[in-house]
Amino acid sequence: MLQVTDSAAIALQEARAVQQVPDSFGVRLFAQTGDNGQPTLALAFTEEPGERDQVTEQSGTEIYVAPELVEPLAEHMLDVEDTADGPQLALVPQQDEEQ
């Protein structure tokens, strides 16, 4: 199951505050077509999950994962990475805790 790191949860809370999104809204991850015609991962605040979305609560935020992404994202975490444009949300592989 997709996990959300504490850093990503904080970033989502900050984005929620800036956008003045109600606390009752969850965060939905879904696929959409990018400007280049290729599928991309999208993330948006939404009042309710989509039909058949996987719903979890992590760090006080409801996370909705579109059904077509549940399996591909099962071994990933939503985290924050530093980029040239500043911190951004990113998907990273889950780390094996037995190592």
PDB file of N, CA and C in Angstrom:
ATOM      1  N   MET A   1       0.829  -1.170   0.000  1.00  0.00           N
ATOM      2  CA  MET A   1       0.000   0.000   0.000  1.00  0.00           C
ATOM      3  C   MET A   1       0.888   1.253   0.000  1.00  0.00           C
ATOM      4  N   LEU A   2       0.502   2.231  -0.777  1.00  0.00           N
ATOM      5  CA  LEU A   2       1.230   3.493  -0.816  1.00  0.00           C
ATOM      6  C   LEU A   2       1.297   4.081   0.584  1.00  0.00           C
ATOM      7  N   GLN A   3       2.495   4.499   0.975  1.00  0.00           N
ATOM      8  CA  GLN A   3       2.710   5.132   2.269  1.00  0.00           C
ATOM      9  C   GLN A   3       3.002   6.619   2.063  1.00  0.00           C
ATOM     10  N   VAL A   4       2.724   7.421   3.090  1.00  0.00           N
ATOM     11  CA  VAL A   4       3.004   8.845   3.059  1.00  0.00           C
ATOM     12  C   VAL A   4       3.976   9.141   4.201  1.00  0.00           C
ATOM     13  N   THR A   5       5.129   9.714   3.879  1.00  0.00           N
ATOM     14  CA  THR A   5       6.104  10.030   4.920  1.00  0.00           C
ATOM     15  C   THR A   5       5.625  11.238   5.728  1.00  0.00           C
ATOM     16  N   ASP A   6       6.222  11.414   6.892  1.00  0.00           N
ATOM     17  CA  ASP A   6       5.883  12.570   7.721  1.00  0.00           C
ATOM     18  C   ASP A   6       6.173  13.874   6.983  1.00  0.00           C
ATOM     19  N   SER A   7       7.272  13.914   6.253  1.00  0.00           N
ATOM     20  CA  SER A   7       7.631  15.124   5.484  1.00  0.00           C
ATOM     21  C   SER A   7       6.576  15.441   4.432  1.00  0.00           C
ATOM     22  N   ALA A   8       6.089  14.407   3.740  1.00  0.00           N
ATOM     23  CA  ALA A   8       5.053  14.614   2.729  1.00  0.00           C
ATOM     24  C   ALA A   8       3.745  15.048   3.381  1.00  0.00           C
ATOM     25  N   ALA A   9       3.422  14.470   4.538  1.00  0.00           N
ATOM     26  CA  ALA A   9       2.197  14.857   5.247  1.00  0.00           C
ATOM     27  C   ALA A   9       2.243  16.330   5.636  1.00  0.00           C
ATOM     28  N   ILE A  10       3.398  16.795   6.089  1.00  0.00           N
ATOM     29  CA  ILE A  10       3.558  18.207   6.440  1.00  0.00           C
ATOM     30  C   ILE A  10       3.410  19.088   5.198  1.00  0.00           C
ATOM     31  N   ALA A  11       4.024  18.674   4.092  1.00  0.00           N
ATOM     32  CA  ALA A  11       3.911  19.435   2.844  1.00  0.00           C
ATOM     33  C   ALA A  11       2.462  19.511   2.378  1.00  0.00           C
ATOM     34  N   LEU A  12       1.723  18.409   2.517  1.00  0.00           N
ATOM     35  CA  LEU A  12       0.311  18.415   2.136  1.00  0.00           C
ATOM     36  C   LEU A  12      -0.495  19.338   3.047  1.00  0.00           C
ATOM     37  N   GLN A  13      -0.204  19.331   4.337  1.00  0.00           N
ATOM     38  CA  GLN A  13      -0.894  20.222   5.268  1.00  0.00           C
ATOM     39  C   GLN A  13      -0.605  21.682   4.922  1.00  0.00           C
ATOM     40  N   GLU A  14       0.630  21.990   4.574  1.00  0.00           N
ATOM     41  CA  GLU A  14       0.987  23.355   4.190  1.00  0.00           C
ATOM     42  C   GLU A  14       0.270  23.763   2.906  1.00  0.00           C
ATOM     43  N   ALA A  15       0.216  22.873   1.921  1.00  0.00           N
ATOM     44  CA  ALA A  15      -0.486  23.158   0.666  1.00  0.00           C
ATOM     45  C   ALA A  15      -1.977  23.354   0.929  1.00  0.00           C
ATOM     46  N   ARG A  16      -2.534  22.540   1.813  1.00  0.00           N
ATOM     47  CA  ARG A  16      -3.950  22.663   2.172  1.00  0.00           C
ATOM     48  C   ARG A  16      -4.223  24.052   2.749  1.00  0.00           C
ATOM     49  N   ALA A  17      -3.337  24.524   3.638  1.00  0.00           N
ATOM     50  CA  ALA A  17      -3.516  25.833   4.272  1.00  0.00           C
ATOM     51  C   ALA A  17      -3.411  26.964   3.240  1.00  0.00           C
ATOM     52  N   VAL A  18      -2.397  26.885   2.366  1.00  0.00           N
ATOM     53  CA  VAL A  18      -2.197  27.921   1.354  1.00  0.00           C
ATOM     54  C   VAL A  18      -3.397  28.001   0.410  1.00  0.00           C
ATOM     55  N   GLN A  19      -3.919  26.827   0.011  1.00  0.00           N
ATOM     56  CA  GLN A  19      -5.039  26.774  -0.930  1.00  0.00           C
ATOM     57  C   GLN A  19      -6.392  26.913  -0.233  1.00  0.00           C
ATOM     58  N   GLN A  20      -6.372  27.002   1.096  1.00  0.00           N
ATOM     59  CA  GLN A  20      -7.582  27.118   1.910  1.00  0.00           C
ATOM     60  C   GLN A  20      -8.563  25.971   1.628  1.00  0.00           C
ATOM     61  N   VAL A  21      -8.018  24.761   1.587  1.00  0.00           N
ATOM     62  CA  VAL A  21      -8.811  23.561   1.364  1.00  0.00           C
ATOM     63  C   VAL A  21      -9.318  23.078   2.724  1.00  0.00           C
ATOM     64  N   PRO A  22     -10.611  22.764   2.834  1.00  0.00           N
ATOM     65  CA  PRO A  22     -11.147  22.287   4.118  1.00  0.00           C
ATOM     66  C   PRO A  22     -10.449  21.018   4.600  1.00  0.00           C
ATOM     67  N   ASP A  23     -10.332  20.871   5.917  1.00  0.00           N
ATOM     68  CA  ASP A  23      -9.704  19.688   6.504  1.00  0.00           C
ATOM     69  C   ASP A  23     -10.438  18.400   6.147  1.00  0.00           C
ATOM     70  N   SER A  24     -11.701  18.513   5.781  1.00  0.00           N
ATOM     71  CA  SER A  24     -12.499  17.325   5.459  1.00  0.00           C
ATOM     72  C   SER A  24     -12.150  16.738   4.088  1.00  0.00           C
ATOM     73  N   PHE A  25     -11.406  17.458   3.263  1.00  0.00           N
ATOM     74  CA  PHE A  25     -11.029  16.969   1.941  1.00  0.00           C
ATOM     75  C   PHE A  25      -9.831  16.029   2.060  1.00  0.00           C
ATOM     76  N   GLY A  26      -9.805  15.019   1.207  1.00  0.00           N
ATOM     77  CA  GLY A  26      -8.677  14.109   1.141  1.00  0.00           C
ATOM     78  C   GLY A  26      -7.776  14.465  -0.025  1.00  0.00           C
ATOM     79  N   VAL A  27      -6.710  13.680  -0.179  1.00  0.00           N
ATOM     80  CA  VAL A  27      -5.761  13.868  -1.276  1.00  0.00           C
ATOM     81  C   VAL A  27      -5.913  12.668  -2.200  1.00  0.00           C
ATOM     82  N   ARG A  28      -6.184  12.943  -3.473  1.00  0.00           N
ATOM     83  CA  ARG A  28      -6.392  11.859  -4.443  1.00  0.00           C
ATOM     84  C   ARG A  28      -5.224  11.800  -5.418  1.00  0.00           C
ATOM     85  N   LEU A  29      -4.698  10.589  -5.601  1.00  0.00           N
ATOM     86  CA  LEU A  29      -3.674  10.328  -6.607  1.00  0.00           C
ATOM     87  C   LEU A  29      -4.348   9.601  -7.757  1.00  0.00           C
ATOM     88  N   PHE A  30      -4.134  10.103  -8.972  1.00  0.00           N
ATOM     89  CA  PHE A  30      -4.791   9.531 -10.142  1.00  0.00           C
ATOM     90  C   PHE A  30      -3.925   9.765 -11.377  1.00  0.00           C
ATOM     91  N   ALA A  31      -4.214   9.050 -12.441  1.00  0.00           N
ATOM     92  CA  ALA A  31      -3.471   9.203 -13.690  1.00  0.00           C
ATOM     93  C   ALA A  31      -4.205  10.190 -14.587  1.00  0.00           C
ATOM     94  N   GLN A  32      -3.426  10.988 -15.297  1.00  0.00           N
ATOM     95  CA  GLN A  32      -4.000  11.878 -16.305  1.00  0.00           C
ATOM     96  C   GLN A  32      -3.014  11.991 -17.455  1.00  0.00           C
ATOM     97  N   THR A  33      -3.465  12.518 -18.568  1.00  0.00           N
ATOM     98  CA  THR A  33      -2.598  12.667 -19.728  1.00  0.00           C
ATOM     99  C   THR A  33      -1.885  14.009 -19.644  1.00  0.00           C
ATOM    100  N   GLY A  34      -0.569  13.975 -19.751  1.00  0.00           N
ATOM    101  CA  GLY A  34       0.235  15.194 -19.690  1.00  0.00           C
ATOM    102  C   GLY A  34       0.199  15.950 -21.003  1.00  0.00           C
ATOM    103  N   ASP A  35       0.834  17.115 -21.011  1.00  0.00           N
ATOM    104  CA  ASP A  35       0.872  17.957 -22.206  1.00  0.00           C
ATOM    105  C   ASP A  35       1.516  17.250 -23.394  1.00  0.00           C
ATOM    106  N   ASN A  36       2.422  16.304 -23.107  1.00  0.00           N
ATOM    107  CA  ASN A  36       3.110  15.573 -24.179  1.00  0.00           C
ATOM    108  C   ASN A  36       2.345  14.322 -24.619  1.00  0.00           C
ATOM    109  N   GLY A  37       1.140  14.128 -24.076  1.00  0.00           N
ATOM    110  CA  GLY A  37       0.332  12.972 -24.444  1.00  0.00           C
ATOM    111  C   GLY A  37       0.635  11.727 -23.640  1.00  0.00           C
ATOM    112  N   GLN A  38       1.633  11.794 -22.779  1.00  0.00           N
ATOM    113  CA  GLN A  38       2.022  10.654 -21.955  1.00  0.00           C
ATOM    114  C   GLN A  38       1.262  10.674 -20.627  1.00  0.00           C
ATOM    115  N   PRO A  39       0.986   9.497 -20.072  1.00  0.00           N
ATOM    116  CA  PRO A  39       0.310   9.461 -18.778  1.00  0.00           C
ATOM    117  C   PRO A  39       1.223  10.007 -17.679  1.00  0.00           C
ATOM    118  N   THR A  40       0.640  10.772 -16.790  1.00  0.00           N
ATOM    119  CA  THR A  40       1.374  11.313 -15.655  1.00  0.00           C
ATOM    120  C   THR A  40       0.576  11.080 -14.385  1.00  0.00           C
ATOM    121  N   LEU A  41       1.251  11.169 -13.270  1.00  0.00           N
ATOM    122  CA  LEU A  41       0.606  11.031 -11.975  1.00  0.00           C
ATOM    123  C   LEU A  41       0.154  12.410 -11.531  1.00  0.00           C
ATOM    124  N   ALA A  42      -1.094  12.502 -11.103  1.00  0.00           N
ATOM    125  CA  ALA A  42      -1.640  13.766 -10.624  1.00  0.00           C
ATOM    126  C   ALA A  42      -2.083  13.608  -9.177  1.00  0.00           C
ATOM    127  N   LEU A  43      -2.078  14.706  -8.470  1.00  0.00           N
ATOM    128  CA  LEU A  43      -2.458  14.728  -7.068  1.00  0.00           C
ATOM    129  C   LEU A  43      -3.332  15.959  -6.867  1.00  0.00           C
ATOM    130  N   ALA A  44      -4.477  15.776  -6.195  1.00  0.00           N
ATOM    131  CA  ALA A  44      -5.383  16.901  -5.975  1.00  0.00           C
ATOM    132  C   ALA A  44      -6.169  16.691  -4.693  1.00  0.00           C
ATOM    133  N   PHE A  45      -6.543  17.792  -4.058  1.00  0.00           N
ATOM    134  CA  PHE A  45      -7.457  17.719  -2.924  1.00  0.00           C
ATOM    135  C   PHE A  45      -8.859  17.537  -3.472  1.00  0.00           C
ATOM    136  N   THR A  46      -9.615  16.642  -2.838  1.00  0.00           N
ATOM    137  CA  THR A  46     -10.966  16.378  -3.289  1.00  0.00           C
ATOM    138  C   THR A  46     -11.855  16.033  -2.103  1.00  0.00           C
ATOM    139  N   GLU A  47     -13.135  16.352  -2.232  1.00  0.00           N
ATOM    140  CA  GLU A  47     -14.069  16.153  -1.129  1.00  0.00           C
ATOM    141  C   GLU A  47     -14.331  14.678  -0.847  1.00  0.00           C
ATOM    142  N   GLU A  48     -14.373  13.867  -1.898  1.00  0.00           N
ATOM    143  CA  GLU A  48     -14.683  12.441  -1.753  1.00  0.00           C
ATOM    144  C   GLU A  48     -13.793  11.606  -2.660  1.00  0.00           C
ATOM    145  N   PRO A  49     -13.581  10.346  -2.303  1.00  0.00           N
ATOM    146  CA  PRO A  49     -12.814   9.466  -3.192  1.00  0.00           C
ATOM    147  C   PRO A  49     -13.608   9.157  -4.453  1.00  0.00           C
ATOM    148  N   GLY A  50     -12.876   8.800  -5.493  1.00  0.00           N
ATOM    149  CA  GLY A  50     -13.526   8.341  -6.714  1.00  0.00           C
ATOM    150  C   GLY A  50     -14.057   6.930  -6.511  1.00  0.00           C
ATOM    151  N   GLU A  51     -14.890   6.510  -7.432  1.00  0.00           N
ATOM    152  CA  GLU A  51     -15.452   5.160  -7.353  1.00  0.00           C
ATOM    153  C   GLU A  51     -14.323   4.134  -7.384  1.00  0.00           C
ATOM    154  N   ARG A  52     -14.325   3.213  -6.441  1.00  0.00           N
ATOM    155  CA  ARG A  52     -13.360   2.117  -6.298  1.00  0.00           C
ATOM    156  C   ARG A  52     -11.963   2.578  -5.875  1.00  0.00           C
ATOM    157  N   ASP A  53     -11.793   3.846  -5.467  1.00  0.00           N
ATOM    158  CA  ASP A  53     -10.498   4.295  -4.954  1.00  0.00           C
ATOM    159  C   ASP A  53     -10.152   3.519  -3.695  1.00  0.00           C
ATOM    160  N   GLN A  54      -8.861   3.280  -3.496  1.00  0.00           N
ATOM    161  CA  GLN A  54      -8.389   2.731  -2.232  1.00  0.00           C
ATOM    162  C   GLN A  54      -8.277   3.913  -1.267  1.00  0.00           C
ATOM    163  N   VAL A  55      -8.874   3.772  -0.086  1.00  0.00           N
ATOM    164  CA  VAL A  55      -8.906   4.863   0.881  1.00  0.00           C
ATOM    165  C   VAL A  55      -8.148   4.448   2.140  1.00  0.00           C
ATOM    166  N   THR A  56      -7.196   5.295   2.549  1.00  0.00           N
ATOM    167  CA  THR A  56      -6.480   5.090   3.805  1.00  0.00           C
ATOM    168  C   THR A  56      -6.357   6.442   4.492  1.00  0.00           C
ATOM    169  N   GLU A  57      -6.079   6.398   5.770  1.00  0.00           N
ATOM    170  CA  GLU A  57      -5.771   7.626   6.492  1.00  0.00           C
ATOM    171  C   GLU A  57      -4.352   7.524   7.005  1.00  0.00           C
ATOM    172  N   GLN A  58      -3.563   8.531   6.680  1.00  0.00           N
ATOM    173  CA  GLN A  58      -2.172   8.545   7.108  1.00  0.00           C
ATOM    174  C   GLN A  58      -1.818   9.948   7.582  1.00  0.00           C
ATOM    175  N   SER A  59      -1.257  10.024   8.754  1.00  0.00           N
ATOM    176  CA  SER A  59      -0.830  11.298   9.339  1.00  0.00           C
ATOM    177  C   SER A  59      -1.964  12.319   9.352  1.00  0.00           C
ATOM    178  N   GLY A  60      -3.181  11.847   9.610  1.00  0.00           N
ATOM    179  CA  GLY A  60      -4.323  12.742   9.725  1.00  0.00           C
ATOM    180  C   GLY A  60      -4.940  13.177   8.408  1.00  0.00           C
ATOM    181  N   THR A  61      -4.478  12.630   7.302  1.00  0.00           N
ATOM    182  CA  THR A  61      -5.019  12.982   5.990  1.00  0.00           C
ATOM    183  C   THR A  61      -5.550  11.733   5.299  1.00  0.00           C
ATOM    184  N   GLU A  62      -6.755  11.847   4.751  1.00  0.00           N
ATOM    185  CA  GLU A  62      -7.275  10.730   3.956  1.00  0.00           C
ATOM    186  C   GLU A  62      -6.582  10.743   2.603  1.00  0.00           C
ATOM    187  N   ILE A  63      -6.116   9.565   2.188  1.00  0.00           N
ATOM    188  CA  ILE A  63      -5.432   9.390   0.910  1.00  0.00           C
ATOM    189  C   ILE A  63      -6.310   8.505   0.038  1.00  0.00           C
ATOM    190  N   TYR A  64      -6.630   8.990  -1.159  1.00  0.00           N
ATOM    191  CA  TYR A  64      -7.435   8.238  -2.123  1.00  0.00           C
ATOM    192  C   TYR A  64      -6.537   7.890  -3.309  1.00  0.00           C
ATOM    193  N   VAL A  65      -6.405   6.596  -3.593  1.00  0.00           N
ATOM    194  CA  VAL A  65      -5.588   6.157  -4.728  1.00  0.00           C
ATOM    195  C   VAL A  65      -6.521   5.538  -5.765  1.00  0.00           C
ATOM    196  N   ALA A  66      -6.485   6.079  -6.976  1.00  0.00           N
ATOM    197  CA  ALA A  66      -7.317   5.571  -8.064  1.00  0.00           C
ATOM    198  C   ALA A  66      -7.049   4.092  -8.266  1.00  0.00           C
ATOM    199  N   PRO A  67      -8.080   3.313  -8.603  1.00  0.00           N
ATOM    200  CA  PRO A  67      -7.918   1.860  -8.685  1.00  0.00           C
ATOM    201  C   PRO A  67      -6.828   1.391  -9.635  1.00  0.00           C
ATOM    202  N   GLU A  68      -6.608   2.099 -10.732  1.00  0.00           N
ATOM    203  CA  GLU A  68      -5.581   1.677 -11.688  1.00  0.00           C
ATOM    204  C   GLU A  68      -4.165   1.927 -11.165  1.00  0.00           C
ATOM    205  N   LEU A  69      -4.036   2.681 -10.062  1.00  0.00           N
ATOM    206  CA  LEU A  69      -2.717   2.976  -9.503  1.00  0.00           C
ATOM    207  C   LEU A  69      -2.406   2.204  -8.228  1.00  0.00           C
ATOM    208  N   VAL A  70      -3.391   1.511  -7.676  1.00  0.00           N
ATOM    209  CA  VAL A  70      -3.185   0.819  -6.401  1.00  0.00           C
ATOM    210  C   VAL A  70      -2.008  -0.140  -6.488  1.00  0.00           C
ATOM    211  N   GLU A  71      -2.014  -1.013  -7.473  1.00  0.00           N
ATOM    212  CA  GLU A  71      -0.930  -1.999  -7.598  1.00  0.00           C
ATOM    213  C   GLU A  71       0.405  -1.359  -7.976  1.00  0.00           C
ATOM    214  N   PRO A  72       0.454  -0.467  -8.993  1.00  0.00           N
ATOM    215  CA  PRO A  72       1.742   0.129  -9.349  1.00  0.00           C
ATOM    216  C   PRO A  72       2.380   0.949  -8.221  1.00  0.00           C
ATOM    217  N   LEU A  73       1.566   1.531  -7.343  1.00  0.00           N
ATOM    218  CA  LEU A  73       2.104   2.369  -6.266  1.00  0.00           C
ATOM    219  C   LEU A  73       2.250   1.632  -4.942  1.00  0.00           C
ATOM    220  N   ALA A  74       1.901   0.351  -4.914  1.00  0.00           N
ATOM    221  CA  ALA A  74       1.873  -0.404  -3.661  1.00  0.00           C
ATOM    222  C   ALA A  74       3.218  -0.438  -2.944  1.00  0.00           C
ATOM    223  N   GLU A  75       4.299  -0.399  -3.664  1.00  0.00           N
ATOM    224  CA  GLU A  75       5.638  -0.488  -3.063  1.00  0.00           C
ATOM    225  C   GLU A  75       6.341   0.872  -2.997  1.00  0.00           C
ATOM    226  N   HIS A  76       5.557   1.959  -3.026  1.00  0.00           N
ATOM    227  CA  HIS A  76       6.137   3.300  -3.035  1.00  0.00           C
ATOM    228  C   HIS A  76       5.681   4.131  -1.842  1.00  0.00           C
ATOM    229  N   MET A  77       6.416   5.205  -1.619  1.00  0.00           N
ATOM    230  CA  MET A  77       6.071   6.188  -0.599  1.00  0.00           C
ATOM    231  C   MET A  77       5.963   7.556  -1.264  1.00  0.00           C
ATOM    232  N   LEU A  78       5.027   8.353  -0.781  1.00  0.00           N
ATOM    233  CA  LEU A  78       4.967   9.750  -1.175  1.00  0.00           C
ATOM    234  C   LEU A  78       5.867  10.495  -0.194  1.00  0.00           C
ATOM    235  N   ASP A  79       6.893  11.154  -0.719  1.00  0.00           N
ATOM    236  CA  ASP A  79       7.888  11.808   0.119  1.00  0.00           C
ATOM    237  C   ASP A  79       8.167  13.191  -0.446  1.00  0.00           C
ATOM    238  N   VAL A  80       9.077  13.910   0.168  1.00  0.00           N
ATOM    239  CA  VAL A  80       9.508  15.223  -0.299  1.00  0.00           C
ATOM    240  C   VAL A  80      10.969  15.118  -0.709  1.00  0.00           C
ATOM    241  N   GLU A  81      11.271  15.623  -1.898  1.00  0.00           N
ATOM    242  CA  GLU A  81      12.648  15.654  -2.379  1.00  0.00           C
ATOM    243  C   GLU A  81      13.031  17.091  -2.669  1.00  0.00           C
ATOM    244  N   ASP A  82      14.282  17.426  -2.381  1.00  0.00           N
ATOM    245  CA  ASP A  82      14.801  18.747  -2.716  1.00  0.00           C
ATOM    246  C   ASP A  82      15.157  18.774  -4.191  1.00  0.00           C
ATOM    247  N   THR A  83      14.677  19.803  -4.888  1.00  0.00           N
ATOM    248  CA  THR A  83      14.989  19.985  -6.305  1.00  0.00           C
ATOM    249  C   THR A  83      15.529  21.398  -6.501  1.00  0.00           C
ATOM    250  N   ALA A  84      15.960  21.699  -7.708  1.00  0.00           N
ATOM    251  CA  ALA A  84      16.445  23.044  -8.023  1.00  0.00           C
ATOM    252  C   ALA A  84      15.343  24.085  -7.828  1.00  0.00           C
ATOM    253  N   ASP A  85      14.083  23.653  -7.958  1.00  0.00           N
ATOM    254  CA  ASP A  85      12.944  24.559  -7.780  1.00  0.00           C
ATOM    255  C   ASP A  85      12.427  24.562  -6.350  1.00  0.00           C
ATOM    256  N   GLY A  86      13.131  23.885  -5.451  1.00  0.00           N
ATOM    257  CA  GLY A  86      12.697  23.798  -4.060  1.00  0.00           C
ATOM    258  C   GLY A  86      12.099  22.431  -3.772  1.00  0.00           C
ATOM    259  N   PRO A  87      11.637  22.220  -2.542  1.00  0.00           N
ATOM    260  CA  PRO A  87      11.073  20.922  -2.175  1.00  0.00           C
ATOM    261  C   PRO A  87       9.821  20.592  -2.996  1.00  0.00           C
ATOM    262  N   GLN A  88       9.730  19.322  -3.420  1.00  0.00           N
ATOM    263  CA  GLN A  88       8.565  18.864  -4.185  1.00  0.00           C
ATOM    264  C   GLN A  88       8.193  17.463  -3.743  1.00  0.00           C
ATOM    265  N   LEU A  89       6.902  17.163  -3.832  1.00  0.00           N
ATOM    266  CA  LEU A  89       6.444  15.808  -3.544  1.00  0.00           C
ATOM    267  C   LEU A  89       6.973  14.870  -4.615  1.00  0.00           C
ATOM    268  N   ALA A  90       7.349  13.666  -4.212  1.00  0.00           N
ATOM    269  CA  ALA A  90       7.887  12.680  -5.150  1.00  0.00           C
ATOM    270  C   ALA A  90       7.541  11.277  -4.668  1.00  0.00           C
ATOM    271  N   LEU A  91       7.424  10.362  -5.613  1.00  0.00           N
ATOM    272  CA  LEU A  91       7.255   8.945  -5.275  1.00  0.00           C
ATOM    273  C   LEU A  91       8.624   8.300  -5.206  1.00  0.00           C
ATOM    274  N   VAL A  92       8.856   7.584  -4.136  1.00  0.00           N
ATOM    275  CA  VAL A  92      10.125   6.863  -3.963  1.00  0.00           C
ATOM    276  C   VAL A  92       9.810   5.434  -3.541  1.00  0.00           C
ATOM    277  N   PRO A  93      10.671   4.485  -3.886  1.00  0.00           N
ATOM    278  CA  PRO A  93      10.437   3.098  -3.460  1.00  0.00           C
ATOM    279  C   PRO A  93      10.460   3.000  -1.929  1.00  0.00           C
ATOM    280  N   GLN A  94       9.590   2.144  -1.403  1.00  0.00           N
ATOM    281  CA  GLN A  94       9.609   1.894   0.027  1.00  0.00           C
ATOM    282  C   GLN A  94      10.900   1.175   0.374  1.00  0.00           C
ATOM    283  N   GLN A  95      11.467   1.519   1.498  1.00  0.00           N
ATOM    284  CA  GLN A  95      12.696   0.879   1.917  1.00  0.00           C
ATOM    285  C   GLN A  95      12.364  -0.371   2.693  1.00  0.00           C
ATOM    286  N   ASP A  96      13.151  -1.417   2.438  1.00  0.00           N
ATOM    287  CA  ASP A  96      12.984  -2.678   3.153  1.00  0.00           C
ATOM    288  C   ASP A  96      13.512  -2.486   4.576  1.00  0.00           C
ATOM    289  N   GLU A  97      12.643  -2.597   5.581  1.00  0.00           N
ATOM    290  CA  GLU A  97      13.030  -2.330   6.950  1.00  0.00           C
ATOM    291  C   GLU A  97      13.915  -3.426   7.539  1.00  0.00           C
ATOM    292  N   GLU A  98      14.069  -4.552   6.843  1.00  0.00           N
ATOM    293  CA  GLU A  98      14.892  -5.642   7.361  1.00  0.00           C
ATOM    294  C   GLU A  98      16.365  -5.451   7.053  1.00  0.00           C
ATOM    295  N   GLN A  99      16.723  -4.468   6.224  1.00  0.00           N
ATOM    296  CA  GLN A  99      18.121  -4.260   5.842  1.00  0.00           C
ATOM    297  C   GLN A  99      18.910  -3.669   6.980  1.00  0.00           C
TER     298      GLN A  99
END
